[in-house]
Amino acid sequence: MSVEDYKRMQIKQAQRNYNEAYVQRAAYRRQERECHEAKKAATNNLISCQIKKLNFERRIQDIQQAIRKIDEMDSSISKSMELAQKTDEAYSNCIKCSDYASVSFRDTFSLKSVDQDSNLVNAKQKLKDEKNRLEQALADLKKEVQKNEQIIIDMQKRINECAAQAASCSAKMATMSYKIVQISRM
């Protein structure tokens, strides 16, 4: 084999190595772009989940407050009924006429307690059911947030790996270009 044939063979090998590194670099850059897109999608999904999470938490607080108000209403009704009973007893003790039937304040101002009012019982149960549903949705959302955070971490690692591999391919291309020039000068 002549020196010229050897040089041509070395140049062709260096060109193949250069082309191979070029193709690999393009593939790593494409993977890097895909990872950036996946990371962007996960970030957008994470932001959406965080907004939903805040909304669910606010709705749960509002429902808890409504349930508390219904319970406070029951307490107020009980206190009112006790006061009506005391007033009724005091009023009936004041009337001395046996021919006159005194009106009962308790009966006149009688109110159903929350547990006796089917509409309030249903409303309270629906609020509790909605609160439970939102709490479950919130738990599911927290899992989705964690999943998206992990995807973002994984994509960033993959982006760094692809960038390092692309840089390695660029270095190999530079080396092969230098080698081709050096062999050509021989």
Protein backbone atom coordinates (compact mmCIF):
# COMPACT_ATOMS: atom_id res chain seq x y z
CA MET A 1 0.00 0.00 0.00
CA SER A 2 1.38 3.35 -1.01
CA VAL A 3 1.59 6.38 1.22
CA GLU A 4 -1.07 8.14 -0.83
CA ASP A 5 -3.46 5.20 -0.47
CA TYR A 6 -2.79 5.12 3.25
CA LYS A 7 -3.50 8.88 3.51
CA ARG A 8 -6.74 8.50 1.53
CA MET A 9 -7.80 5.60 3.73
CA GLN A 10 -7.03 7.61 6.89
CA ILE A 11 -8.91 10.66 5.51
CA LYS A 12 -11.95 8.51 4.60
CA GLN A 13 -11.94 6.94 8.07
CA ALA A 14 -11.69 10.39 9.66
CA GLN A 15 -14.53 11.64 7.43
CA ARG A 16 -16.70 8.64 8.42
CA ASN A 17 -15.94 9.34 12.07
CA TYR A 18 -16.73 13.03 11.52
CA ASN A 19 -20.04 12.21 9.78
CA GLU A 20 -20.95 9.70 12.46
CA ALA A 21 -20.26 12.28 15.19
CA TYR A 22 -22.29 14.86 13.21
CA VAL A 23 -25.29 12.51 13.00
CA GLN A 24 -24.99 11.61 16.69
CA ARG A 25 -24.74 15.28 17.66
CA ALA A 26 -27.88 16.05 15.65
CA ALA A 27 -29.69 13.17 17.37
CA TYR A 28 -28.63 14.36 20.83
CA ARG A 29 -29.71 17.91 20.02
CA ARG A 30 -33.08 16.61 18.80
CA GLN A 31 -33.46 14.61 22.03
CA GLU A 32 -32.51 17.69 23.99
CA ARG A 33 -35.22 19.74 22.20
CA GLU A 34 -37.76 16.98 22.86
CA CYS A 35 -36.78 16.95 26.54
CA HIS A 36 -37.16 20.74 26.67
CA GLU A 37 -40.66 20.37 25.22
CA ALA A 38 -41.54 17.62 27.69
CA LYS A 39 -40.17 19.71 30.55
CA LYS A 40 -42.16 22.72 29.35
CA ALA A 41 -45.35 20.64 29.15
CA ALA A 42 -44.74 19.25 32.66
CA THR A 43 -44.07 22.76 33.96
CA ASN A 44 -47.29 24.05 32.42
CA ASN A 45 -49.18 21.09 33.87
CA LEU A 46 -47.55 21.71 37.26
CA ILE A 47 -48.66 25.36 37.21
CA SER A 48 -52.19 24.30 36.24
CA CYS A 49 -52.23 21.76 39.08
CA GLN A 50 -51.02 24.35 41.58
CA ILE A 51 -53.80 26.73 40.51
CA LYS A 52 -56.38 23.94 40.84
CA LYS A 53 -54.90 23.04 44.24
CA LEU A 54 -55.34 26.60 45.49
CA ASN A 55 -58.90 26.65 44.12
CA PHE A 56 -59.76 23.33 45.80
CA GLU A 57 -58.25 24.45 49.11
CA ARG A 58 -60.27 27.67 48.98
CA ARG A 59 -63.47 25.76 48.16
CA ILE A 60 -62.82 23.34 51.05
CA GLN A 61 -62.39 26.30 53.42
CA ASP A 62 -65.66 27.82 52.17
CA ILE A 63 -67.50 24.52 52.67
CA GLN A 64 -66.04 24.11 56.16
CA GLN A 65 -67.19 27.63 56.98
CA ALA A 66 -70.71 26.88 55.69
CA ILE A 67 -70.88 23.70 57.79
CA ARG A 68 -69.66 25.67 60.81
CA LYS A 69 -72.40 28.29 60.20
CA ILE A 70 -75.07 25.57 60.06
CA ASP A 71 -73.76 24.12 63.33
CA GLU A 72 -73.74 27.60 64.88
CA MET A 73 -77.31 28.07 63.67
CA ASP A 74 -78.29 24.88 65.50
CA SER A 75 -76.66 26.22 68.65
CA SER A 76 -78.51 29.54 68.27
CA ILE A 77 -81.83 27.73 67.79
CA SER A 78 -81.21 25.70 70.96
CA LYS A 79 -80.44 28.84 72.94
CA SER A 80 -83.54 30.56 71.54
CA MET A 81 -85.73 27.62 72.48
CA GLU A 82 -84.31 27.60 76.02
CA LEU A 83 -85.00 31.34 76.30
CA ALA A 84 -88.54 30.82 74.97
CA GLN A 85 -89.09 28.08 77.57
CA LYS A 86 -87.92 30.38 80.39
CA THR A 87 -90.04 33.25 79.10
CA ASP A 88 -93.03 30.93 78.78
CA GLU A 89 -92.63 29.77 82.38
CA ALA A 90 -92.23 33.34 83.65
CA TYR A 91 -95.21 34.58 81.62
CA SER A 92 -97.52 31.75 82.64
CA ASN A 93 -96.63 32.33 86.31
CA CYS A 94 -97.69 35.96 85.98
CA ILE A 95 -101.19 35.19 84.78
CA LYS A 96 -103.54 34.52 87.65
CA CYS A 97 -106.80 34.27 85.71
CA SER A 98 -107.90 30.68 85.35
CA ASP A 99 -110.36 31.55 82.57
CA TYR A 100 -107.60 32.85 80.36
CA ALA A 101 -105.37 30.36 78.58
CA SER A 102 -101.91 31.83 78.19
CA VAL A 103 -100.17 31.40 74.90
CA SER A 104 -96.99 29.39 75.06
CA PHE A 105 -93.96 31.36 73.87
CA ARG A 106 -92.16 28.11 73.24
CA ASP A 107 -94.91 26.88 70.93
CA THR A 108 -95.39 30.28 69.29
CA PHE A 109 -91.72 30.81 68.52
CA SER A 110 -90.90 27.16 67.96
CA LEU A 111 -88.15 26.49 65.46
CA LYS A 112 -86.89 23.26 64.04
CA SER A 113 -83.35 22.39 64.91
CA VAL A 114 -80.95 21.66 62.05
CA ASP A 115 -81.38 17.94 62.63
CA GLN A 116 -85.18 18.29 62.42
CA ASP A 117 -85.14 20.32 59.18
CA SER A 118 -84.76 17.92 56.27
CA ASN A 119 -83.62 20.68 53.90
CA LEU A 120 -80.80 21.71 56.23
CA VAL A 121 -79.86 18.09 56.89
CA ASN A 122 -79.68 17.45 53.14
CA ALA A 123 -77.72 20.65 52.55
CA LYS A 124 -75.27 19.82 55.33
CA GLN A 125 -74.79 16.28 53.98
CA LYS A 126 -74.24 17.57 50.44
CA LEU A 127 -71.66 20.02 51.76
CA LYS A 128 -69.88 17.20 53.59
CA ASP A 129 -69.99 15.01 50.46
CA GLU A 130 -68.58 17.84 48.34
CA LYS A 131 -65.88 18.47 50.93
CA ASN A 132 -64.90 14.78 50.85
CA ARG A 133 -64.89 14.80 47.04
CA LEU A 134 -62.70 17.91 46.97
CA GLU A 135 -60.32 16.45 49.55
CA GLN A 136 -59.95 13.32 47.40
CA ALA A 137 -59.42 15.45 44.30
CA LEU A 138 -56.86 17.49 46.24
CA ALA A 139 -55.00 14.32 47.25
CA ASP A 140 -55.00 13.16 43.61
CA LEU A 141 -53.79 16.59 42.56
CA LYS A 142 -50.93 16.48 45.05
CA LYS A 143 -49.84 13.16 43.52
CA GLU A 144 -49.99 14.73 40.07
CA VAL A 145 -47.92 17.69 41.30
CA GLN A 146 -45.28 15.29 42.63
CA LYS A 147 -45.32 13.35 39.36
CA ASN A 148 -44.84 16.56 37.35
CA GLU A 149 -42.05 17.73 39.63
CA GLN A 150 -40.29 14.40 39.11
CA ILE A 151 -40.77 14.64 35.34
CA ILE A 152 -39.21 18.11 35.38
CA ILE A 153 -36.22 16.83 37.38
CA ASP A 154 -35.81 13.82 35.07
CA MET A 155 -36.09 15.95 31.92
CA GLN A 156 -33.50 18.41 33.24
CA LYS A 157 -31.10 15.52 33.91
CA ARG A 158 -31.74 14.18 30.41
CA ILE A 159 -31.25 17.66 28.91
CA ASN A 160 -27.89 17.94 30.68
CA GLU A 161 -26.88 14.46 29.47
CA CYS A 162 -27.87 15.25 25.88
CA ALA A 163 -26.02 18.57 25.98
CA ALA A 164 -22.90 16.82 27.30
CA GLN A 165 -23.15 14.11 24.62
CA ALA A 166 -23.67 16.74 21.89
CA ALA A 167 -20.63 18.64 23.17
CA SER A 168 -18.63 15.40 23.11
CA CYS A 169 -19.71 14.81 19.51
CA SER A 170 -18.72 18.39 18.62
CA ALA A 171 -15.31 17.78 20.16
CA LYS A 172 -14.97 14.55 18.17
CA MET A 173 -15.93 16.43 15.01
CA ALA A 174 -13.29 19.08 15.72
CA THR A 175 -10.72 16.35 16.32
CA MET A 176 -11.62 14.59 13.07
CA SER A 177 -11.50 17.91 11.15
CA TYR A 178 -8.06 18.58 12.58
CA LYS A 179 -6.96 15.04 11.73
CA ILE A 180 -8.19 15.40 8.14
CA VAL A 181 -6.25 18.65 7.74
CA GLN A 182 -3.12 17.15 9.28
CA ILE A 183 -3.26 14.04 7.08
CA SER A 184 -3.84 16.18 3.99
CA ARG A 185 -0.71 18.23 4.78
CA MET A 186 1.53 15.18 5.08
